[in-house]
Amino acid sequence: MQRFTIMAREKIVYHPYAPTARPQPIRTAPHCLVCHQNFDPSMNQPNSCNISHIWQNEAAVLDASFTGPHPRLVYFAKCCNATHTAYFDAEDDDEYGHAYSHGPFCYSGPHVTDPAIFNALRQQSQISFRSCNSMGCADGHGAQRYKRYMEKDHTVPLGFNADLEWDDERGRGPAIDGAPYEQSRVGRKQDVDRQIEHRRRQEAGCRRRY
């Protein structure tokens, strides 16, 4: 019977017709615990493995403190504390600029074969870093499953969504009063506008006093 043994650093497949006393291993490429792909060790570069952020697309908020001619939307990541700020053209809703607080990737580095390194990454985000058991890497299709898993909802959408129509009278739509961009500071646009106006009045009073 053909025997399979999966190790952290490499996969050894014993040849089915090799003598029982001294099996001859057929060594294959090492397996990355992060992206679940086999790779060539000689080609393992500092940016060979790139894992994108997983964004909360439905939770985009308006930066109400931004007074420029273009709206600014802030997206929060599900996987970590990263944020993505997108600038839009108010007329045609096209994105013309963006900024990432932690870069576009949740992880960008060499392929990982050390379980200790993978466990450290997994402590930061269990959403982005999936184990080989959960991806079924034993059958050789883990990379395809992981790719489909990541493609479900990690892309930040372009343009305004239907649920992000702003109504100043009713205060609809989530908003935030500028940086720092933290989810705990998100509120209704009407409430955020009041906070901004209150702060401006306080600053004006301080300037008149001094």
N, C-alpha and C. Protein backbone atom coordinates (compact mmCIF):
# COMPACT_ATOMS: atom_id res chain seq x y z
N MET A 1 0.86 -1.19 0.00
CA MET A 1 0.00 0.00 0.00
C MET A 1 0.89 1.24 0.00
N GLN A 2 0.50 2.23 -0.78
CA GLN A 2 1.28 3.46 -0.84
C GLN A 2 1.11 4.26 0.44
N ARG A 3 2.20 4.74 1.01
CA ARG A 3 2.17 5.46 2.27
C ARG A 3 2.50 6.92 2.04
N PHE A 4 1.77 7.80 2.71
CA PHE A 4 2.01 9.24 2.62
C PHE A 4 2.33 9.77 4.00
N THR A 5 3.35 10.60 4.07
CA THR A 5 3.71 11.24 5.32
C THR A 5 3.93 12.72 5.04
N ILE A 6 3.13 13.59 5.68
CA ILE A 6 3.25 15.03 5.49
C ILE A 6 4.00 15.62 6.66
N MET A 7 5.09 16.30 6.37
CA MET A 7 5.89 16.93 7.40
C MET A 7 5.82 18.44 7.21
N ALA A 8 6.27 19.15 8.21
CA ALA A 8 6.18 20.61 8.17
C ALA A 8 7.08 21.19 7.09
N ARG A 9 8.25 20.62 6.90
CA ARG A 9 9.20 21.21 5.97
C ARG A 9 9.15 20.58 4.58
N GLU A 10 8.77 19.35 4.46
CA GLU A 10 8.73 18.72 3.15
C GLU A 10 7.83 17.51 3.20
N LYS A 11 7.39 17.08 2.04
CA LYS A 11 6.54 15.91 1.95
C LYS A 11 7.35 14.76 1.36
N ILE A 12 7.34 13.63 2.03
CA ILE A 12 8.08 12.46 1.58
C ILE A 12 7.07 11.40 1.15
N VAL A 13 7.13 11.00 -0.09
CA VAL A 13 6.24 9.97 -0.61
C VAL A 13 7.07 8.71 -0.85
N TYR A 14 6.75 7.63 -0.16
CA TYR A 14 7.48 6.38 -0.31
C TYR A 14 6.99 5.65 -1.55
N HIS A 15 7.94 5.23 -2.35
CA HIS A 15 7.61 4.56 -3.60
C HIS A 15 6.93 3.22 -3.30
N PRO A 16 5.82 2.92 -3.98
CA PRO A 16 5.08 1.68 -3.66
C PRO A 16 5.85 0.41 -3.98
N TYR A 17 6.82 0.47 -4.90
CA TYR A 17 7.54 -0.74 -5.30
C TYR A 17 8.93 -0.82 -4.68
N ALA A 18 9.23 0.07 -3.76
CA ALA A 18 10.54 0.03 -3.10
C ALA A 18 10.58 -1.14 -2.12
N PRO A 19 11.76 -1.70 -1.86
CA PRO A 19 11.89 -2.81 -0.90
C PRO A 19 11.38 -2.39 0.47
N THR A 20 10.78 -3.33 1.17
CA THR A 20 10.20 -3.03 2.48
C THR A 20 11.28 -2.66 3.49
N ALA A 21 12.46 -3.29 3.38
CA ALA A 21 13.50 -3.05 4.37
C ALA A 21 14.07 -1.63 4.26
N ARG A 22 14.26 -1.16 3.03
CA ARG A 22 14.86 0.16 2.84
C ARG A 22 14.03 0.94 1.82
N PRO A 23 12.95 1.59 2.28
CA PRO A 23 12.13 2.37 1.35
C PRO A 23 12.91 3.55 0.79
N GLN A 24 12.73 3.82 -0.49
CA GLN A 24 13.41 4.92 -1.15
C GLN A 24 12.47 6.12 -1.23
N PRO A 25 12.72 7.18 -0.46
CA PRO A 25 11.82 8.33 -0.47
C PRO A 25 11.96 9.15 -1.74
N ILE A 26 10.84 9.61 -2.26
CA ILE A 26 10.81 10.54 -3.39
C ILE A 26 10.50 11.92 -2.81
N ARG A 27 11.48 12.79 -2.74
CA ARG A 27 11.30 14.08 -2.10
C ARG A 27 10.64 15.06 -3.06
N THR A 28 9.61 15.73 -2.57
CA THR A 28 8.93 16.75 -3.35
C THR A 28 9.23 18.12 -2.75
N ALA A 29 8.70 19.17 -3.37
CA ALA A 29 8.99 20.53 -2.93
C ALA A 29 8.40 20.78 -1.55
N PRO A 30 9.02 21.66 -0.76
CA PRO A 30 8.46 22.01 0.55
C PRO A 30 7.08 22.63 0.41
N HIS A 31 6.33 22.55 1.47
CA HIS A 31 4.95 23.03 1.48
C HIS A 31 4.83 24.23 2.42
N CYS A 32 4.27 25.34 1.91
CA CYS A 32 4.10 26.56 2.72
C CYS A 32 2.86 26.41 3.60
N LEU A 33 3.03 26.66 4.89
CA LEU A 33 1.92 26.55 5.83
C LEU A 33 0.98 27.74 5.76
N VAL A 34 1.38 28.81 5.10
CA VAL A 34 0.56 30.02 5.03
C VAL A 34 -0.32 30.03 3.79
N CYS A 35 0.28 29.92 2.60
CA CYS A 35 -0.49 29.95 1.35
C CYS A 35 -0.84 28.56 0.85
N HIS A 36 -0.30 27.51 1.48
CA HIS A 36 -0.63 26.11 1.19
C HIS A 36 -0.18 25.69 -0.21
N GLN A 37 0.89 26.30 -0.70
CA GLN A 37 1.46 25.93 -1.99
C GLN A 37 2.81 25.27 -1.78
N ASN A 38 3.15 24.35 -2.68
CA ASN A 38 4.51 23.82 -2.72
C ASN A 38 5.40 24.84 -3.44
N PHE A 39 6.64 24.95 -3.02
CA PHE A 39 7.50 25.98 -3.59
C PHE A 39 8.92 25.47 -3.72
N ASP A 40 9.67 26.16 -4.56
CA ASP A 40 11.09 25.86 -4.78
C ASP A 40 11.90 26.65 -3.74
N PRO A 41 12.63 25.98 -2.86
CA PRO A 41 13.39 26.70 -1.82
C PRO A 41 14.36 27.72 -2.38
N SER A 42 14.93 27.46 -3.56
CA SER A 42 15.89 28.40 -4.14
C SER A 42 15.22 29.67 -4.64
N MET A 43 13.89 29.64 -4.80
CA MET A 43 13.15 30.80 -5.27
C MET A 43 12.34 31.47 -4.17
N ASN A 44 12.60 31.11 -2.93
CA ASN A 44 11.84 31.66 -1.81
C ASN A 44 12.38 33.05 -1.45
N GLN A 45 11.70 34.08 -1.91
CA GLN A 45 12.13 35.45 -1.73
C GLN A 45 11.40 36.11 -0.55
N PRO A 46 11.85 37.29 -0.09
CA PRO A 46 11.20 37.97 1.05
C PRO A 46 9.74 38.33 0.81
N ASN A 47 9.30 38.36 -0.45
CA ASN A 47 7.90 38.68 -0.74
C ASN A 47 7.24 37.60 -1.60
N SER A 48 7.67 36.37 -1.45
CA SER A 48 7.11 35.28 -2.26
C SER A 48 5.69 34.92 -1.84
N CYS A 49 5.37 35.14 -0.57
CA CYS A 49 4.06 34.74 -0.04
C CYS A 49 3.31 36.01 0.38
N ASN A 50 2.21 36.30 -0.30
CA ASN A 50 1.42 37.49 -0.02
C ASN A 50 -0.02 37.10 0.28
N ILE A 51 -0.49 37.46 1.47
CA ILE A 51 -1.86 37.15 1.91
C ILE A 51 -2.61 38.47 2.07
N SER A 52 -3.67 38.65 1.31
CA SER A 52 -4.42 39.90 1.33
C SER A 52 -5.24 40.02 2.61
N HIS A 53 -5.58 41.27 2.94
CA HIS A 53 -6.51 41.51 4.04
C HIS A 53 -7.90 41.03 3.64
N ILE A 54 -8.71 40.70 4.63
CA ILE A 54 -10.13 40.39 4.42
C ILE A 54 -10.91 41.57 4.97
N TRP A 55 -11.62 42.26 4.09
CA TRP A 55 -12.26 43.52 4.45
C TRP A 55 -13.72 43.35 4.80
N GLN A 56 -14.19 44.20 5.70
CA GLN A 56 -15.61 44.26 6.02
C GLN A 56 -16.29 45.19 5.02
N ASN A 57 -16.60 44.64 3.86
CA ASN A 57 -17.13 45.47 2.78
C ASN A 57 -18.44 46.15 3.17
N GLU A 58 -19.24 45.47 3.98
CA GLU A 58 -20.54 46.03 4.33
C GLU A 58 -20.43 47.09 5.40
N ALA A 59 -19.24 47.29 5.97
CA ALA A 59 -19.08 48.22 7.09
C ALA A 59 -18.25 49.44 6.73
N ALA A 60 -18.25 49.83 5.45
CA ALA A 60 -17.53 51.03 5.06
C ALA A 60 -18.18 52.24 5.71
N VAL A 61 -17.37 53.18 6.17
CA VAL A 61 -17.89 54.36 6.86
C VAL A 61 -17.36 55.61 6.17
N LEU A 62 -18.12 56.69 6.30
CA LEU A 62 -17.74 57.97 5.72
C LEU A 62 -16.90 58.75 6.71
N ASP A 63 -15.80 59.33 6.23
CA ASP A 63 -14.99 60.21 7.07
C ASP A 63 -15.63 61.59 7.03
N ALA A 64 -16.47 61.90 8.03
CA ALA A 64 -17.24 63.15 8.02
C ALA A 64 -16.36 64.36 8.25
N SER A 65 -15.16 64.18 8.78
CA SER A 65 -14.28 65.32 9.05
C SER A 65 -13.55 65.80 7.81
N PHE A 66 -13.61 65.02 6.74
CA PHE A 66 -12.88 65.37 5.53
C PHE A 66 -13.68 66.39 4.74
N THR A 67 -13.12 67.59 4.52
CA THR A 67 -13.84 68.67 3.88
C THR A 67 -13.42 68.89 2.43
N GLY A 68 -12.68 67.97 1.86
CA GLY A 68 -12.23 68.12 0.49
C GLY A 68 -13.35 67.92 -0.51
N PRO A 69 -13.06 68.09 -1.78
CA PRO A 69 -14.10 67.96 -2.82
C PRO A 69 -14.51 66.52 -3.10
N HIS A 70 -13.76 65.57 -2.58
CA HIS A 70 -14.06 64.17 -2.86
C HIS A 70 -14.38 63.43 -1.56
N PRO A 71 -15.44 62.62 -1.56
CA PRO A 71 -15.76 61.83 -0.35
C PRO A 71 -14.64 60.85 -0.02
N ARG A 72 -14.50 60.56 1.24
CA ARG A 72 -13.49 59.62 1.71
C ARG A 72 -14.19 58.52 2.50
N LEU A 73 -14.02 57.27 2.07
CA LEU A 73 -14.60 56.13 2.75
C LEU A 73 -13.51 55.32 3.42
N VAL A 74 -13.82 54.76 4.57
CA VAL A 74 -12.87 53.97 5.35
C VAL A 74 -13.41 52.56 5.49
N TYR A 75 -12.59 51.57 5.15
CA TYR A 75 -12.93 50.16 5.28
C TYR A 75 -12.09 49.55 6.40
N PHE A 76 -12.73 48.73 7.22
CA PHE A 76 -12.03 48.04 8.30
C PHE A 76 -11.78 46.59 7.89
N ALA A 77 -10.64 46.05 8.32
CA ALA A 77 -10.29 44.67 8.02
C ALA A 77 -10.88 43.73 9.06
N LYS A 78 -11.33 42.57 8.61
CA LYS A 78 -11.79 41.54 9.54
C LYS A 78 -10.62 40.81 10.18
N CYS A 79 -9.50 40.76 9.48
CA CYS A 79 -8.39 39.91 9.89
C CYS A 79 -7.47 40.57 10.91
N CYS A 80 -7.40 41.91 10.91
CA CYS A 80 -6.48 42.59 11.81
C CYS A 80 -6.98 44.01 12.03
N ASN A 81 -6.11 44.90 12.50
CA ASN A 81 -6.50 46.27 12.77
C ASN A 81 -6.24 47.20 11.59
N ALA A 82 -6.04 46.66 10.42
CA ALA A 82 -5.73 47.48 9.25
C ALA A 82 -6.98 48.22 8.76
N THR A 83 -6.74 49.36 8.13
CA THR A 83 -7.82 50.12 7.50
C THR A 83 -7.41 50.48 6.08
N HIS A 84 -8.42 50.65 5.24
CA HIS A 84 -8.19 51.07 3.85
C HIS A 84 -9.05 52.30 3.61
N THR A 85 -8.41 53.40 3.25
CA THR A 85 -9.10 54.66 2.99
C THR A 85 -9.16 54.88 1.49
N ALA A 86 -10.37 55.04 0.96
CA ALA A 86 -10.57 55.22 -0.48
C ALA A 86 -11.15 56.60 -0.74
N TYR A 87 -10.64 57.27 -1.76
CA TYR A 87 -11.12 58.59 -2.16
C TYR A 87 -11.92 58.42 -3.45
N PHE A 88 -13.08 59.06 -3.51
CA PHE A 88 -13.96 58.88 -4.65
C PHE A 88 -14.31 60.21 -5.30
N ASP A 89 -14.62 60.13 -6.58
CA ASP A 89 -15.13 61.28 -7.31
C ASP A 89 -16.62 61.37 -7.04
N ALA A 90 -17.09 62.49 -6.53
CA ALA A 90 -18.49 62.62 -6.13
C ALA A 90 -19.45 62.53 -7.30
N GLU A 91 -18.97 62.78 -8.52
CA GLU A 91 -19.87 62.79 -9.67
C GLU A 91 -20.11 61.40 -10.24
N ASP A 92 -19.05 60.64 -10.47
CA ASP A 92 -19.22 59.33 -11.09
C ASP A 92 -18.88 58.16 -10.17
N ASP A 93 -18.58 58.43 -8.88
CA ASP A 93 -18.32 57.40 -7.88
C ASP A 93 -17.10 56.54 -8.20
N ASP A 94 -16.19 57.03 -9.01
CA ASP A 94 -14.98 56.26 -9.34
C ASP A 94 -13.91 56.53 -8.30
N GLU A 95 -13.20 55.47 -7.94
CA GLU A 95 -12.10 55.62 -6.99
C GLU A 95 -10.90 56.23 -7.70
N TYR A 96 -10.30 57.24 -7.09
CA TYR A 96 -9.14 57.86 -7.70
C TYR A 96 -7.90 57.83 -6.81
N GLY A 97 -8.04 57.31 -5.60
CA GLY A 97 -6.90 57.22 -4.70
C GLY A 97 -7.23 56.36 -3.50
N HIS A 98 -6.21 55.84 -2.86
CA HIS A 98 -6.42 54.99 -1.69
C HIS A 98 -5.17 54.98 -0.83
N ALA A 99 -5.35 54.57 0.42
CA ALA A 99 -4.23 54.50 1.36
C ALA A 99 -4.50 53.36 2.33
N TYR A 100 -3.45 52.58 2.62
CA TYR A 100 -3.55 51.46 3.54
C TYR A 100 -2.77 51.80 4.81
N SER A 101 -3.37 51.51 5.97
CA SER A 101 -2.67 51.78 7.22
C SER A 101 -1.56 50.79 7.48
N HIS A 102 -1.73 49.54 7.04
CA HIS A 102 -0.72 48.49 7.28
C HIS A 102 -0.29 47.84 5.98
N GLY A 103 -0.43 48.52 4.85
CA GLY A 103 -0.10 47.92 3.57
C GLY A 103 -1.24 47.07 3.04
N PRO A 104 -1.20 46.68 1.77
CA PRO A 104 -2.30 45.93 1.17
C PRO A 104 -2.37 44.47 1.58
N PHE A 105 -1.34 43.95 2.26
CA PHE A 105 -1.31 42.54 2.62
C PHE A 105 -1.31 42.36 4.13
N CYS A 106 -2.04 41.33 4.58
CA CYS A 106 -2.01 40.96 5.99
C CYS A 106 -0.68 40.27 6.32
N TYR A 107 -0.11 39.59 5.33
CA TYR A 107 1.23 39.00 5.47
C TYR A 107 1.92 39.08 4.13
N SER A 108 3.13 39.57 4.12
CA SER A 108 3.97 39.60 2.93
C SER A 108 5.39 39.23 3.37
N GLY A 109 5.84 38.07 2.95
CA GLY A 109 7.15 37.60 3.36
C GLY A 109 7.49 36.30 2.66
N PRO A 110 8.52 35.61 3.13
CA PRO A 110 8.88 34.33 2.53
C PRO A 110 7.88 33.25 2.89
N HIS A 111 7.90 32.16 2.13
CA HIS A 111 7.06 31.01 2.45
C HIS A 111 7.46 30.45 3.82
N VAL A 112 6.49 29.97 4.55
CA VAL A 112 6.70 29.53 5.94
C VAL A 112 6.57 28.00 6.02
N THR A 113 7.58 27.37 6.59
CA THR A 113 7.53 25.93 6.84
C THR A 113 7.68 25.61 8.32
N ASP A 114 8.00 26.60 9.12
CA ASP A 114 8.19 26.40 10.55
C ASP A 114 6.84 26.54 11.27
N PRO A 115 6.35 25.49 11.94
CA PRO A 115 5.06 25.59 12.65
C PRO A 115 5.03 26.68 13.70
N ALA A 116 6.16 26.98 14.33
CA ALA A 116 6.19 28.03 15.35
C ALA A 116 5.89 29.40 14.74
N ILE A 117 6.46 29.65 13.56
CA ILE A 117 6.19 30.93 12.89
C ILE A 117 4.73 31.00 12.45
N PHE A 118 4.22 29.90 11.93
CA PHE A 118 2.81 29.89 11.50
C PHE A 118 1.87 30.10 12.69
N ASN A 119 2.16 29.48 13.81
CA ASN A 119 1.31 29.64 14.99
C ASN A 119 1.33 31.08 15.49
N ALA A 120 2.49 31.75 15.37
CA ALA A 120 2.57 33.15 15.76
C ALA A 120 1.71 34.02 14.85
N LEU A 121 1.73 33.73 13.55
CA LEU A 121 0.88 34.47 12.62
C LEU A 121 -0.59 34.17 12.89
N ARG A 122 -0.89 32.94 13.20
CA ARG A 122 -2.28 32.55 13.43
C ARG A 122 -2.85 33.21 14.69
N GLN A 123 -2.01 33.51 15.66
CA GLN A 123 -2.48 34.21 16.84
C GLN A 123 -2.91 35.63 16.51
N GLN A 124 -2.31 36.22 15.46
CA GLN A 124 -2.70 37.55 15.03
C GLN A 124 -4.02 37.53 14.28
N SER A 125 -4.26 36.50 13.48
CA SER A 125 -5.48 36.42 12.69
C SER A 125 -5.77 34.98 12.34
N GLN A 126 -6.86 34.44 12.91
CA GLN A 126 -7.27 33.09 12.58
C GLN A 126 -8.13 33.06 11.32
N ILE A 127 -8.54 34.24 10.84
CA ILE A 127 -9.35 34.30 9.62
C ILE A 127 -8.48 34.12 8.39
N SER A 128 -7.34 34.84 8.33
CA SER A 128 -6.48 34.79 7.15
C SER A 128 -5.59 33.56 7.13
N PHE A 129 -5.13 33.11 8.30
CA PHE A 129 -4.16 32.01 8.35
C PHE A 129 -4.88 30.74 8.76
N ARG A 130 -5.12 29.89 7.77
CA ARG A 130 -5.85 28.65 7.98
C ARG A 130 -4.88 27.48 8.02
N SER A 131 -5.19 26.50 8.84
CA SER A 131 -4.31 25.34 8.98
C SER A 131 -4.40 24.44 7.76
N CYS A 132 -3.38 23.62 7.58
CA CYS A 132 -3.38 22.67 6.47
C CYS A 132 -4.50 21.64 6.63
N ASN A 133 -4.82 21.29 7.86
CA ASN A 133 -5.91 20.34 8.07
C ASN A 133 -7.24 20.91 7.60
N SER A 134 -7.50 22.19 7.90
CA SER A 134 -8.76 22.80 7.49
C SER A 134 -8.85 22.99 5.99
N MET A 135 -7.69 23.14 5.32
CA MET A 135 -7.68 23.30 3.87
C MET A 135 -7.52 21.97 3.14
N GLY A 136 -7.30 20.88 3.86
CA GLY A 136 -7.19 19.58 3.23
C GLY A 136 -5.97 19.46 2.34
N CYS A 137 -4.82 19.91 2.82
CA CYS A 137 -3.61 19.88 1.99
C CYS A 137 -3.10 18.46 1.73
N ALA A 138 -3.58 17.47 2.48
CA ALA A 138 -3.09 16.10 2.31
C ALA A 138 -3.38 15.56 0.92
N ASP A 139 -4.47 16.03 0.27
CA ASP A 139 -4.80 15.52 -1.06
C ASP A 139 -4.19 16.36 -2.17
N GLY A 140 -3.41 17.40 -1.81
CA GLY A 140 -2.75 18.20 -2.82
C GLY A 140 -3.55 19.34 -3.39
N HIS A 141 -4.76 19.59 -2.85
CA HIS A 141 -5.61 20.65 -3.39
C HIS A 141 -5.83 21.78 -2.38
N GLY A 142 -4.99 21.87 -1.38
CA GLY A 142 -5.16 22.90 -0.37
C GLY A 142 -5.01 24.30 -0.92
N ALA A 143 -4.07 24.50 -1.85
CA ALA A 143 -3.83 25.84 -2.40
C ALA A 143 -5.06 26.34 -3.14
N GLN A 144 -5.72 25.46 -3.91
CA GLN A 144 -6.92 25.88 -4.64
C GLN A 144 -8.06 26.21 -3.69
N ARG A 145 -8.21 25.42 -2.62
CA ARG A 145 -9.27 25.70 -1.66
C ARG A 145 -9.02 27.02 -0.94
N TYR A 146 -7.77 27.27 -0.58
CA TYR A 146 -7.43 28.50 0.12
C TYR A 146 -7.65 29.71 -0.79
N LYS A 147 -7.34 29.57 -2.05
CA LYS A 147 -7.55 30.67 -3.00
C LYS A 147 -9.03 31.00 -3.12
N ARG A 148 -9.87 29.98 -3.23
CA ARG A 148 -11.31 30.22 -3.29
C ARG A 148 -11.83 30.84 -2.01
N TYR A 149 -11.28 30.41 -0.89
CA TYR A 149 -11.69 30.95 0.41
C TYR A 149 -11.36 32.44 0.50
N MET A 150 -10.17 32.84 0.06
CA MET A 150 -9.75 34.22 0.16
C MET A 150 -10.45 35.11 -0.85
N GLU A 151 -10.87 34.56 -1.98
CA GLU A 151 -11.52 35.37 -3.01
C GLU A 151 -12.97 35.69 -2.70
N LYS A 152 -13.51 35.12 -1.65
CA LYS A 152 -14.93 35.33 -1.36
C LYS A 152 -15.24 36.77 -1.02
N ASP A 153 -14.45 37.38 -0.11
CA ASP A 153 -14.85 38.71 0.36
C ASP A 153 -13.68 39.60 0.75
N HIS A 154 -12.49 39.35 0.24
CA HIS A 154 -11.38 40.18 0.70
C HIS A 154 -11.16 41.42 -0.15
N THR A 155 -11.83 41.52 -1.30
CA THR A 155 -11.61 42.64 -2.20
C THR A 155 -12.45 43.84 -1.77
N VAL A 156 -11.83 45.00 -1.70
CA VAL A 156 -12.56 46.22 -1.38
C VAL A 156 -13.34 46.67 -2.60
N PRO A 157 -14.65 46.88 -2.51
CA PRO A 157 -15.45 47.26 -3.68
C PRO A 157 -15.17 48.69 -4.10
N LEU A 158 -15.41 48.99 -5.36
CA LEU A 158 -15.25 50.34 -5.89
C LEU A 158 -16.61 51.03 -5.94
N GLY A 159 -16.61 52.32 -5.75
CA GLY A 159 -17.86 53.07 -5.82
C GLY A 159 -18.69 52.94 -4.56
N PHE A 160 -19.78 53.69 -4.51
CA PHE A 160 -20.67 53.67 -3.36
C PHE A 160 -21.61 52.48 -3.44
N ASN A 161 -21.84 51.82 -2.31
CA ASN A 161 -22.82 50.75 -2.25
C ASN A 161 -24.21 51.33 -2.04
N ALA A 162 -25.22 50.52 -2.30
CA ALA A 162 -26.60 50.99 -2.16
C ALA A 162 -26.92 51.38 -0.73
N ASP A 163 -26.30 50.70 0.24
CA ASP A 163 -26.60 50.99 1.65
C ASP A 163 -25.75 52.12 2.21
N LEU A 164 -24.99 52.81 1.34
CA LEU A 164 -24.16 53.92 1.80
C LEU A 164 -24.66 55.25 1.24
N GLU A 165 -25.98 55.33 0.97
CA GLU A 165 -26.56 56.60 0.56
C GLU A 165 -26.75 57.48 1.79
N TRP A 166 -26.18 58.67 1.74
CA TRP A 166 -26.19 59.53 2.92
C TRP A 166 -27.43 60.40 2.94
N ASP A 167 -28.08 60.46 4.08
CA ASP A 167 -29.27 61.28 4.29
C ASP A 167 -28.99 62.16 5.51
N ASP A 168 -28.68 63.44 5.28
CA ASP A 168 -28.30 64.32 6.38
C ASP A 168 -29.45 64.54 7.35
N GLU A 169 -30.70 64.56 6.85
CA GLU A 169 -31.83 64.85 7.73
C GLU A 169 -32.06 63.72 8.72
N ARG A 170 -31.95 62.50 8.28
CA ARG A 170 -32.21 61.34 9.13
C ARG A 170 -30.93 60.77 9.74
N GLY A 171 -29.81 61.25 9.28
CA GLY A 171 -28.56 60.77 9.84
C GLY A 171 -28.23 59.35 9.46
N ARG A 172 -28.65 58.94 8.28
CA ARG A 172 -28.38 57.57 7.86
C ARG A 172 -26.93 57.42 7.43
N GLY A 173 -26.47 56.20 7.47
CA GLY A 173 -25.11 55.90 7.02
C GLY A 173 -24.09 56.01 8.13
N PRO A 174 -23.22 55.00 8.28
CA PRO A 174 -22.18 55.07 9.31
C PRO A 174 -21.11 56.08 8.95
N ALA A 175 -20.56 56.74 9.95
CA ALA A 175 -19.53 57.76 9.71
C ALA A 175 -18.58 57.78 10.90
N ILE A 176 -17.45 58.45 10.69
CA ILE A 176 -16.44 58.56 11.74
C ILE A 176 -15.86 59.97 11.69
N ASP A 177 -15.44 60.46 12.83
CA ASP A 177 -14.92 61.82 12.94
C ASP A 177 -13.40 61.81 12.78
N GLY A 178 -12.94 61.49 11.58
CA GLY A 178 -11.51 61.54 11.30
C GLY A 178 -10.70 60.50 12.06
N ALA A 179 -9.39 60.59 11.89
CA ALA A 179 -8.47 59.65 12.55
C ALA A 179 -8.45 59.90 14.05
N PRO A 180 -8.14 58.89 14.87
CA PRO A 180 -7.77 57.52 14.45
C PRO A 180 -8.99 56.73 14.01
N TYR A 181 -8.80 55.93 12.98
CA TYR A 181 -9.89 55.14 12.42
C TYR A 181 -10.05 53.86 13.24
N GLU A 182 -10.96 53.90 14.19
CA GLU A 182 -11.24 52.76 15.05
C GLU A 182 -12.73 52.49 15.04
N GLN A 183 -13.09 51.22 15.01
CA GLN A 183 -14.50 50.86 14.91
C GLN A 183 -15.31 51.36 16.11
N SER A 184 -14.67 51.49 17.26
CA SER A 184 -15.38 51.95 18.44
C SER A 184 -15.84 53.41 18.31
N ARG A 185 -15.29 54.13 17.33
CA ARG A 185 -15.64 55.54 17.14
C ARG A 185 -16.66 55.76 16.04
N VAL A 186 -17.15 54.70 15.44
CA VAL A 186 -18.10 54.82 14.34
C VAL A 186 -19.50 55.07 14.89
N GLY A 187 -20.19 56.03 14.29
CA GLY A 187 -21.57 56.33 14.67
C GLY A 187 -22.37 56.75 13.47
N ARG A 188 -23.59 57.24 13.69
CA ARG A 188 -24.39 57.76 12.59
C ARG A 188 -23.81 59.08 12.12
N LYS A 189 -24.00 59.37 10.85
CA LYS A 189 -23.42 60.59 10.30
C LYS A 189 -23.92 61.82 11.03
N GLN A 190 -25.21 61.84 11.37
CA GLN A 190 -25.77 63.01 12.05
C GLN A 190 -25.08 63.23 13.40
N ASP A 191 -24.88 62.15 14.16
CA ASP A 191 -24.22 62.26 15.46
C ASP A 191 -22.77 62.69 15.31
N VAL A 192 -22.09 62.16 14.29
CA VAL A 192 -20.70 62.53 14.08
C VAL A 192 -20.59 63.99 13.69
N ASP A 193 -21.52 64.49 12.87
CA ASP A 193 -21.51 65.90 12.49
C ASP A 193 -21.66 66.79 13.72
N ARG A 194 -22.49 66.36 14.66
CA ARG A 194 -22.66 67.14 15.89
C ARG A 194 -21.36 67.17 16.70
N GLN A 195 -20.66 66.04 16.74
CA GLN A 195 -19.39 66.00 17.46
C GLN A 195 -18.37 66.94 16.81
N ILE A 196 -18.35 66.95 15.49
CA ILE A 196 -17.41 67.82 14.79
C ILE A 196 -17.74 69.28 15.06
N GLU A 197 -19.03 69.63 15.00
CA GLU A 197 -19.43 71.01 15.25
C GLU A 197 -19.12 71.43 16.68
N HIS A 198 -19.34 70.54 17.63
CA HIS A 198 -19.03 70.83 19.03
C HIS A 198 -17.53 71.06 19.22
N ARG A 199 -16.72 70.25 18.58
CA ARG A 199 -15.28 70.42 18.70
C ARG A 199 -14.82 71.74 18.08
N ARG A 200 -15.42 72.08 16.94
CA ARG A 200 -15.05 73.33 16.29
C ARG A 200 -15.39 74.54 17.17
N ARG A 201 -16.52 74.49 17.84
CA ARG A 201 -16.92 75.59 18.72
C ARG A 201 -15.96 75.69 19.91
N GLN A 202 -15.55 74.54 20.44
CA GLN A 202 -14.59 74.57 21.54
C GLN A 202 -13.26 75.17 21.09
N GLU A 203 -12.80 74.79 19.92
CA GLU A 203 -11.54 75.32 19.41
C GLU A 203 -11.65 76.81 19.14
N ALA A 204 -12.81 77.26 18.62
CA ALA A 204 -13.01 78.69 18.37
C ALA A 204 -13.02 79.47 19.68
N GLY A 205 -13.63 78.90 20.74
CA GLY A 205 -13.65 79.56 22.04
C GLY A 205 -12.26 79.69 22.63
N CYS A 206 -11.44 78.66 22.46
CA CYS A 206 -10.07 78.71 22.96
C CYS A 206 -9.26 79.77 22.24
N ARG A 207 -9.47 79.92 20.93
CA ARG A 207 -8.73 80.93 20.18
C ARG A 207 -9.12 82.34 20.61
N ARG A 208 -10.43 82.54 20.89
CA ARG A 208 -10.87 83.87 21.33
C ARG A 208 -10.30 84.22 22.70
N ARG A 209 -10.16 83.23 23.56
CA ARG A 209 -9.65 83.47 24.90
C ARG A 209 -8.18 83.85 24.89
N TYR A 210 -7.46 83.20 23.98
CA TYR A 210 -6.01 83.44 23.95
C TYR A 210 -5.64 84.32 22.76
